[in-house]
């Protein structure tokens, strides 16, 4: 997975309310994860998952 260097020393999304523990149920736009990319990889409990946006605007999460 590639990342953009925005000059910030904090990880992406660190300043969002859900990251600071202010929201009970975390809600964030898919663009916060995907940005301009069509797909990203997410690591969870040592497993890698692929999150991708389809041409019709749907999301697919695969292992």
PDB file of N, CA and C in Angstrom:
ATOM      1  N   UNK A   1       0.854  -1.181   0.000  1.00  0.00           N
ATOM      2  CA  UNK A   1       0.000   0.000   0.000  1.00  0.00           C
ATOM      3  C   UNK A   1       0.888   1.229   0.000  1.00  0.00           C
ATOM      4  N   UNK A   2       0.554   2.171  -0.803  1.00  0.00           N
ATOM      5  CA  UNK A   2       1.315   3.421  -0.869  1.00  0.00           C
ATOM      6  C   UNK A   2       0.635   4.486  -0.034  1.00  0.00           C
ATOM      7  N   UNK A   3       1.440   5.422   0.416  1.00  0.00           N
ATOM      8  CA  UNK A   3       0.865   6.522   1.182  1.00  0.00           C
ATOM      9  C   UNK A   3       1.425   7.827   0.662  1.00  0.00           C
ATOM     10  N   UNK A   4       0.675   8.873   0.838  1.00  0.00           N
ATOM     11  CA  UNK A   4       1.104  10.206   0.423  1.00  0.00           C
ATOM     12  C   UNK A   4       1.752  10.899   1.598  1.00  0.00           C
ATOM     13  N   UNK A   5       2.818  11.635   1.344  1.00  0.00           N
ATOM     14  CA  UNK A   5       3.481  12.386   2.403  1.00  0.00           C
ATOM     15  C   UNK A   5       2.893  13.783   2.433  1.00  0.00           C
ATOM     16  N   UNK A   6       2.089  14.049   3.440  1.00  0.00           N
ATOM     17  CA  UNK A   6       1.462  15.364   3.549  1.00  0.00           C
ATOM     18  C   UNK A   6       2.245  16.273   4.470  1.00  0.00           C
ATOM     19  N   UNK A   7       3.413  15.806   4.944  1.00  0.00           N
ATOM     20  CA  UNK A   7       4.216  16.612   5.839  1.00  0.00           C
ATOM     21  C   UNK A   7       3.808  16.454   7.292  1.00  0.00           C
ATOM     22  N   UNK A   8       2.780  15.677   7.563  1.00  0.00           N
ATOM     23  CA  UNK A   8       2.299  15.470   8.927  1.00  0.00           C
ATOM     24  C   UNK A   8       3.042  14.310   9.569  1.00  0.00           C
ATOM     25  N   UNK A   9       3.282  14.426  10.870  1.00  0.00           N
ATOM     26  CA  UNK A   9       3.934  13.339  11.592  1.00  0.00           C
ATOM     27  C   UNK A   9       2.914  12.382  12.187  1.00  0.00           C
ATOM     28  N   UNK A  10       1.626  12.712  12.084  1.00  0.00           N
ATOM     29  CA  UNK A  10       0.573  11.844  12.586  1.00  0.00           C
ATOM     30  C   UNK A  10       0.113  10.905  11.482  1.00  0.00           C
ATOM     31  N   UNK A  11      -0.361   9.704  11.865  1.00  0.00           N
ATOM     32  CA  UNK A  11      -0.888   8.797  10.844  1.00  0.00           C
ATOM     33  C   UNK A  11      -2.155   9.364  10.222  1.00  0.00           C
ATOM     34  N   UNK A  12      -2.492   8.945   8.978  1.00  0.00           N
ATOM     35  CA  UNK A  12      -3.703   9.446   8.337  1.00  0.00           C
ATOM     36  C   UNK A  12      -4.922   9.189   9.210  1.00  0.00           C
ATOM     37  N   UNK A  13      -5.783  10.173   9.334  1.00  0.00           N
ATOM     38  CA  UNK A  13      -7.000  10.033  10.113  1.00  0.00           C
ATOM     39  C   UNK A  13      -6.847  10.264  11.597  1.00  0.00           C
ATOM     40  N   UNK A  14      -5.633  10.567  12.063  1.00  0.00           N
ATOM     41  CA  UNK A  14      -5.392  10.720  13.500  1.00  0.00           C
ATOM     42  C   UNK A  14      -6.143  11.897  14.099  1.00  0.00           C
ATOM     43  N   UNK A  15      -6.482  12.875  13.286  1.00  0.00           N
ATOM     44  CA  UNK A  15      -7.188  14.046  13.812  1.00  0.00           C
ATOM     45  C   UNK A  15      -8.704  13.950  13.659  1.00  0.00           C
ATOM     46  N   UNK A  16      -9.210  12.819  13.168  1.00  0.00           N
ATOM     47  CA  UNK A  16     -10.650  12.641  13.034  1.00  0.00           C
ATOM     48  C   UNK A  16     -11.257  12.293  14.390  1.00  0.00           C
ATOM     49  N   UNK A  17     -12.485  12.743  14.663  1.00  0.00           N
ATOM     50  CA  UNK A  17     -13.103  12.494  15.971  1.00  0.00           C
ATOM     51  C   UNK A  17     -13.144  11.030  16.375  1.00  0.00           C
ATOM     52  N   UNK A  18     -13.399  10.109  15.433  1.00  0.00           N
ATOM     53  CA  UNK A  18     -13.463   8.692  15.800  1.00  0.00           C
ATOM     54  C   UNK A  18     -12.112   8.183  16.267  1.00  0.00           C
ATOM     55  N   UNK A  19     -11.029   8.744  15.746  1.00  0.00           N
ATOM     56  CA  UNK A  19      -9.691   8.314  16.142  1.00  0.00           C
ATOM     57  C   UNK A  19      -9.357   8.789  17.549  1.00  0.00           C
ATOM     58  N   UNK A  20      -9.999   9.848  17.985  1.00  0.00           N
ATOM     59  CA  UNK A  20      -9.733  10.395  19.309  1.00  0.00           C
ATOM     60  C   UNK A  20     -10.656   9.807  20.367  1.00  0.00           C
ATOM     61  N   UNK A  21     -11.538   8.900  19.988  1.00  0.00           N
ATOM     62  CA  UNK A  21     -12.421   8.255  20.937  1.00  0.00           C
ATOM     63  C   UNK A  21     -13.643   9.066  21.310  1.00  0.00           C
ATOM     64  N   UNK A  22     -14.013  10.065  20.506  1.00  0.00           N
ATOM     65  CA  UNK A  22     -15.164  10.905  20.824  1.00  0.00           C
ATOM     66  C   UNK A  22     -16.473  10.323  20.321  1.00  0.00           C
ATOM     67  N   UNK A  23     -16.429   9.436  19.378  1.00  0.00           N
ATOM     68  CA  UNK A  23     -17.651   8.871  18.815  1.00  0.00           C
ATOM     69  C   UNK A  23     -17.850   7.454  19.339  1.00  0.00           C
ATOM     70  N   UNK A  24     -19.083   7.123  19.685  1.00  0.00           N
ATOM     71  CA  UNK A  24     -19.363   5.781  20.183  1.00  0.00           C
ATOM     72  C   UNK A  24     -19.286   4.774  19.034  1.00  0.00           C
ATOM     73  N   UNK A  25     -19.943   5.071  17.929  1.00  0.00           N
ATOM     74  CA  UNK A  25     -19.860   4.243  16.736  1.00  0.00           C
ATOM     75  C   UNK A  25     -19.093   5.023  15.684  1.00  0.00           C
ATOM     76  N   UNK A  26     -17.973   4.474  15.242  1.00  0.00           N
ATOM     77  CA  UNK A  26     -17.133   5.178  14.279  1.00  0.00           C
ATOM     78  C   UNK A  26     -17.804   5.204  12.908  1.00  0.00           C
ATOM     79  N   UNK A  27     -17.925   6.384  12.346  1.00  0.00           N
ATOM     80  CA  UNK A  27     -18.462   6.563  10.998  1.00  0.00           C
ATOM     81  C   UNK A  27     -17.506   7.477  10.257  1.00  0.00           C
ATOM     82  N   UNK A  28     -17.010   6.995   9.123  1.00  0.00           N
ATOM     83  CA  UNK A  28     -16.150   7.835   8.309  1.00  0.00           C
ATOM     84  C   UNK A  28     -16.429   7.550   6.850  1.00  0.00           C
ATOM     85  N   UNK A  29     -16.224   8.518   5.997  1.00  0.00           N
ATOM     86  CA  UNK A  29     -16.473   8.303   4.572  1.00  0.00           C
ATOM     87  C   UNK A  29     -15.438   7.351   3.980  1.00  0.00           C
ATOM     88  N   UNK A  30     -15.852   6.573   3.001  1.00  0.00           N
ATOM     89  CA  UNK A  30     -14.920   5.647   2.363  1.00  0.00           C
ATOM     90  C   UNK A  30     -13.746   6.394   1.740  1.00  0.00           C
ATOM     91  N   UNK A  31     -13.964   7.648   1.360  1.00  0.00           N
ATOM     92  CA  UNK A  31     -12.881   8.440   0.771  1.00  0.00           C
ATOM     93  C   UNK A  31     -11.764   8.693   1.779  1.00  0.00           C
ATOM     94  N   UNK A  32     -12.076   8.633   3.081  1.00  0.00           N
ATOM     95  CA  UNK A  32     -11.036   8.795   4.095  1.00  0.00           C
ATOM     96  C   UNK A  32     -10.072   7.613   4.062  1.00  0.00           C
ATOM     97  N   UNK A  33     -10.551   6.455   3.661  1.00  0.00           N
ATOM     98  CA  UNK A  33      -9.689   5.281   3.534  1.00  0.00           C
ATOM     99  C   UNK A  33      -9.088   5.174   2.135  1.00  0.00           C
ATOM    100  N   UNK A  34      -9.915   5.325   1.131  1.00  0.00           N
ATOM    101  CA  UNK A  34      -9.469   5.108  -0.241  1.00  0.00           C
ATOM    102  C   UNK A  34      -8.764   6.306  -0.862  1.00  0.00           C
ATOM    103  N   UNK A  35      -9.159   7.509  -0.479  1.00  0.00           N
ATOM    104  CA  UNK A  35      -8.598   8.689  -1.128  1.00  0.00           C
ATOM    105  C   UNK A  35      -8.937   8.657  -2.604  1.00  0.00           C
ATOM    106  N   UNK A  36      -7.950   8.813  -3.444  1.00  0.00           N
ATOM    107  CA  UNK A  36      -8.137   8.757  -4.897  1.00  0.00           C
ATOM    108  C   UNK A  36      -7.934   7.348  -5.447  1.00  0.00           C
ATOM    109  N   UNK A  37      -7.547   6.415  -4.577  1.00  0.00           N
ATOM    110  CA  UNK A  37      -7.281   5.042  -5.016  1.00  0.00           C
ATOM    111  C   UNK A  37      -8.585   4.276  -5.199  1.00  0.00           C
ATOM    112  N   UNK A  38      -8.534   3.240  -5.997  1.00  0.00           N
ATOM    113  CA  UNK A  38      -9.700   2.386  -6.200  1.00  0.00           C
ATOM    114  C   UNK A  38      -9.699   1.232  -5.202  1.00  0.00           C
ATOM    115  N   UNK A  39      -8.518   0.899  -4.648  1.00  0.00           N
ATOM    116  CA  UNK A  39      -8.428  -0.214  -3.706  1.00  0.00           C
ATOM    117  C   UNK A  39      -7.294   0.021  -2.721  1.00  0.00           C
ATOM    118  N   UNK A  40      -7.462  -0.538  -1.518  1.00  0.00           N
ATOM    119  CA  UNK A  40      -6.417  -0.499  -0.495  1.00  0.00           C
ATOM    120  C   UNK A  40      -6.367  -1.852   0.196  1.00  0.00           C
ATOM    121  N   UNK A  41      -5.297  -2.098   0.922  1.00  0.00           N
ATOM    122  CA  UNK A  41      -5.200  -3.287   1.752  1.00  0.00           C
ATOM    123  C   UNK A  41      -5.291  -2.860   3.198  1.00  0.00           C
ATOM    124  N   UNK A  42      -6.051  -3.629   3.970  1.00  0.00           N
ATOM    125  CA  UNK A  42      -6.225  -3.368   5.395  1.00  0.00           C
ATOM    126  C   UNK A  42      -5.699  -4.575   6.147  1.00  0.00           C
ATOM    127  N   UNK A  43      -4.862  -4.346   7.148  1.00  0.00           N
ATOM    128  CA  UNK A  43      -4.371  -5.443   7.975  1.00  0.00           C
ATOM    129  C   UNK A  43      -5.175  -5.472   9.268  1.00  0.00           C
ATOM    130  N   UNK A  44      -5.706  -6.656   9.592  1.00  0.00           N
ATOM    131  CA  UNK A  44      -6.523  -6.831  10.796  1.00  0.00           C
ATOM    132  C   UNK A  44      -6.187  -8.185  11.419  1.00  0.00           C
ATOM    133  N   UNK A  45      -5.721  -8.154  12.666  1.00  0.00           N
ATOM    134  CA  UNK A  45      -5.357  -9.385  13.388  1.00  0.00           C
ATOM    135  C   UNK A  45      -4.405 -10.270  12.582  1.00  0.00           C
ATOM    136  N   UNK A  46      -3.438  -9.642  11.943  1.00  0.00           N
ATOM    137  CA  UNK A  46      -2.434 -10.388  11.192  1.00  0.00           C
ATOM    138  C   UNK A  46      -2.888 -10.858   9.822  1.00  0.00           C
ATOM    139  N   UNK A  47      -4.104 -10.551   9.424  1.00  0.00           N
ATOM    140  CA  UNK A  47      -4.630 -10.950   8.117  1.00  0.00           C
ATOM    141  C   UNK A  47      -4.770  -9.715   7.239  1.00  0.00           C
ATOM    142  N   UNK A  48      -4.542  -9.893   5.951  1.00  0.00           N
ATOM    143  CA  UNK A  48      -4.701  -8.782   5.006  1.00  0.00           C
ATOM    144  C   UNK A  48      -6.013  -8.915   4.256  1.00  0.00           C
ATOM    145  N   UNK A  49      -6.698  -7.794   4.148  1.00  0.00           N
ATOM    146  CA  UNK A  49      -7.963  -7.714   3.429  1.00  0.00           C
ATOM    147  C   UNK A  49      -7.839  -6.632   2.367  1.00  0.00           C
ATOM    148  N   UNK A  50      -8.573  -6.797   1.285  1.00  0.00           N
ATOM    149  CA  UNK A  50      -8.568  -5.806   0.208  1.00  0.00           C
ATOM    150  C   UNK A  50      -9.936  -5.133   0.169  1.00  0.00           C
ATOM    151  N   UNK A  51      -9.938  -3.819   0.273  1.00  0.00           N
ATOM    152  CA  UNK A  51     -11.159  -3.025   0.162  1.00  0.00           C
ATOM    153  C   UNK A  51     -11.100  -2.300  -1.167  1.00  0.00           C
ATOM    154  N   UNK A  52     -12.102  -2.522  -2.003  1.00  0.00           N
ATOM    155  CA  UNK A  52     -12.096  -1.859  -3.308  1.00  0.00           C
ATOM    156  C   UNK A  52     -13.458  -1.275  -3.628  1.00  0.00           C
ATOM    157  N   UNK A  53     -13.414  -0.218  -4.391  1.00  0.00           N
ATOM    158  CA  UNK A  53     -14.614   0.455  -4.862  1.00  0.00           C
ATOM    159  C   UNK A  53     -14.874   0.002  -6.293  1.00  0.00           C
ATOM    160  N   UNK A  54     -16.119  -0.370  -6.575  1.00  0.00           N
ATOM    161  CA  UNK A  54     -16.461  -0.819  -7.920  1.00  0.00           C
ATOM    162  C   UNK A  54     -16.847   0.369  -8.796  1.00  0.00           C
ATOM    163  N   UNK A  55     -16.966   0.123 -10.074  1.00  0.00           N
ATOM    164  CA  UNK A  55     -17.374   1.184 -11.007  1.00  0.00           C
ATOM    165  C   UNK A  55     -18.778   1.683 -10.706  1.00  0.00           C
ATOM    166  N   UNK A  56     -19.597   0.815 -10.120  1.00  0.00           N
ATOM    167  CA  UNK A  56     -20.976   1.221  -9.799  1.00  0.00           C
ATOM    168  C   UNK A  56     -21.085   1.865  -8.422  1.00  0.00           C
ATOM    169  N   UNK A  57     -19.935   2.099  -7.763  1.00  0.00           N
ATOM    170  CA  UNK A  57     -19.932   2.813  -6.498  1.00  0.00           C
ATOM    171  C   UNK A  57     -20.128   1.955  -5.265  1.00  0.00           C
ATOM    172  N   UNK A  58     -20.075   0.635  -5.426  1.00  0.00           N
ATOM    173  CA  UNK A  58     -20.212  -0.263  -4.278  1.00  0.00           C
ATOM    174  C   UNK A  58     -18.835  -0.598  -3.725  1.00  0.00           C
ATOM    175  N   UNK A  59     -18.812  -1.092  -2.480  1.00  0.00           N
ATOM    176  CA  UNK A  59     -17.562  -1.501  -1.853  1.00  0.00           C
ATOM    177  C   UNK A  59     -17.509  -3.013  -1.738  1.00  0.00           C
ATOM    178  N   UNK A  60     -16.317  -3.577  -1.961  1.00  0.00           N
ATOM    179  CA  UNK A  60     -16.094  -5.010  -1.816  1.00  0.00           C
ATOM    180  C   UNK A  60     -14.918  -5.201  -0.876  1.00  0.00           C
ATOM    181  N   UNK A  61     -15.117  -6.037   0.151  1.00  0.00           N
ATOM    182  CA  UNK A  61     -14.053  -6.388   1.087  1.00  0.00           C
ATOM    183  C   UNK A  61     -13.779  -7.873   0.927  1.00  0.00           C
ATOM    184  N   UNK A  62     -12.543  -8.215   0.531  1.00  0.00           N
ATOM    185  CA  UNK A  62     -12.180  -9.616   0.336  1.00  0.00           C
ATOM    186  C   UNK A  62     -10.943  -9.947   1.145  1.00  0.00           C
ATOM    187  N   UNK A  63     -10.822 -11.222   1.499  1.00  0.00           N
ATOM    188  CA  UNK A  63      -9.678 -11.694   2.268  1.00  0.00           C
ATOM    189  C   UNK A  63      -8.632 -12.222   1.315  1.00  0.00           C
TER     190      UNK A  63
END
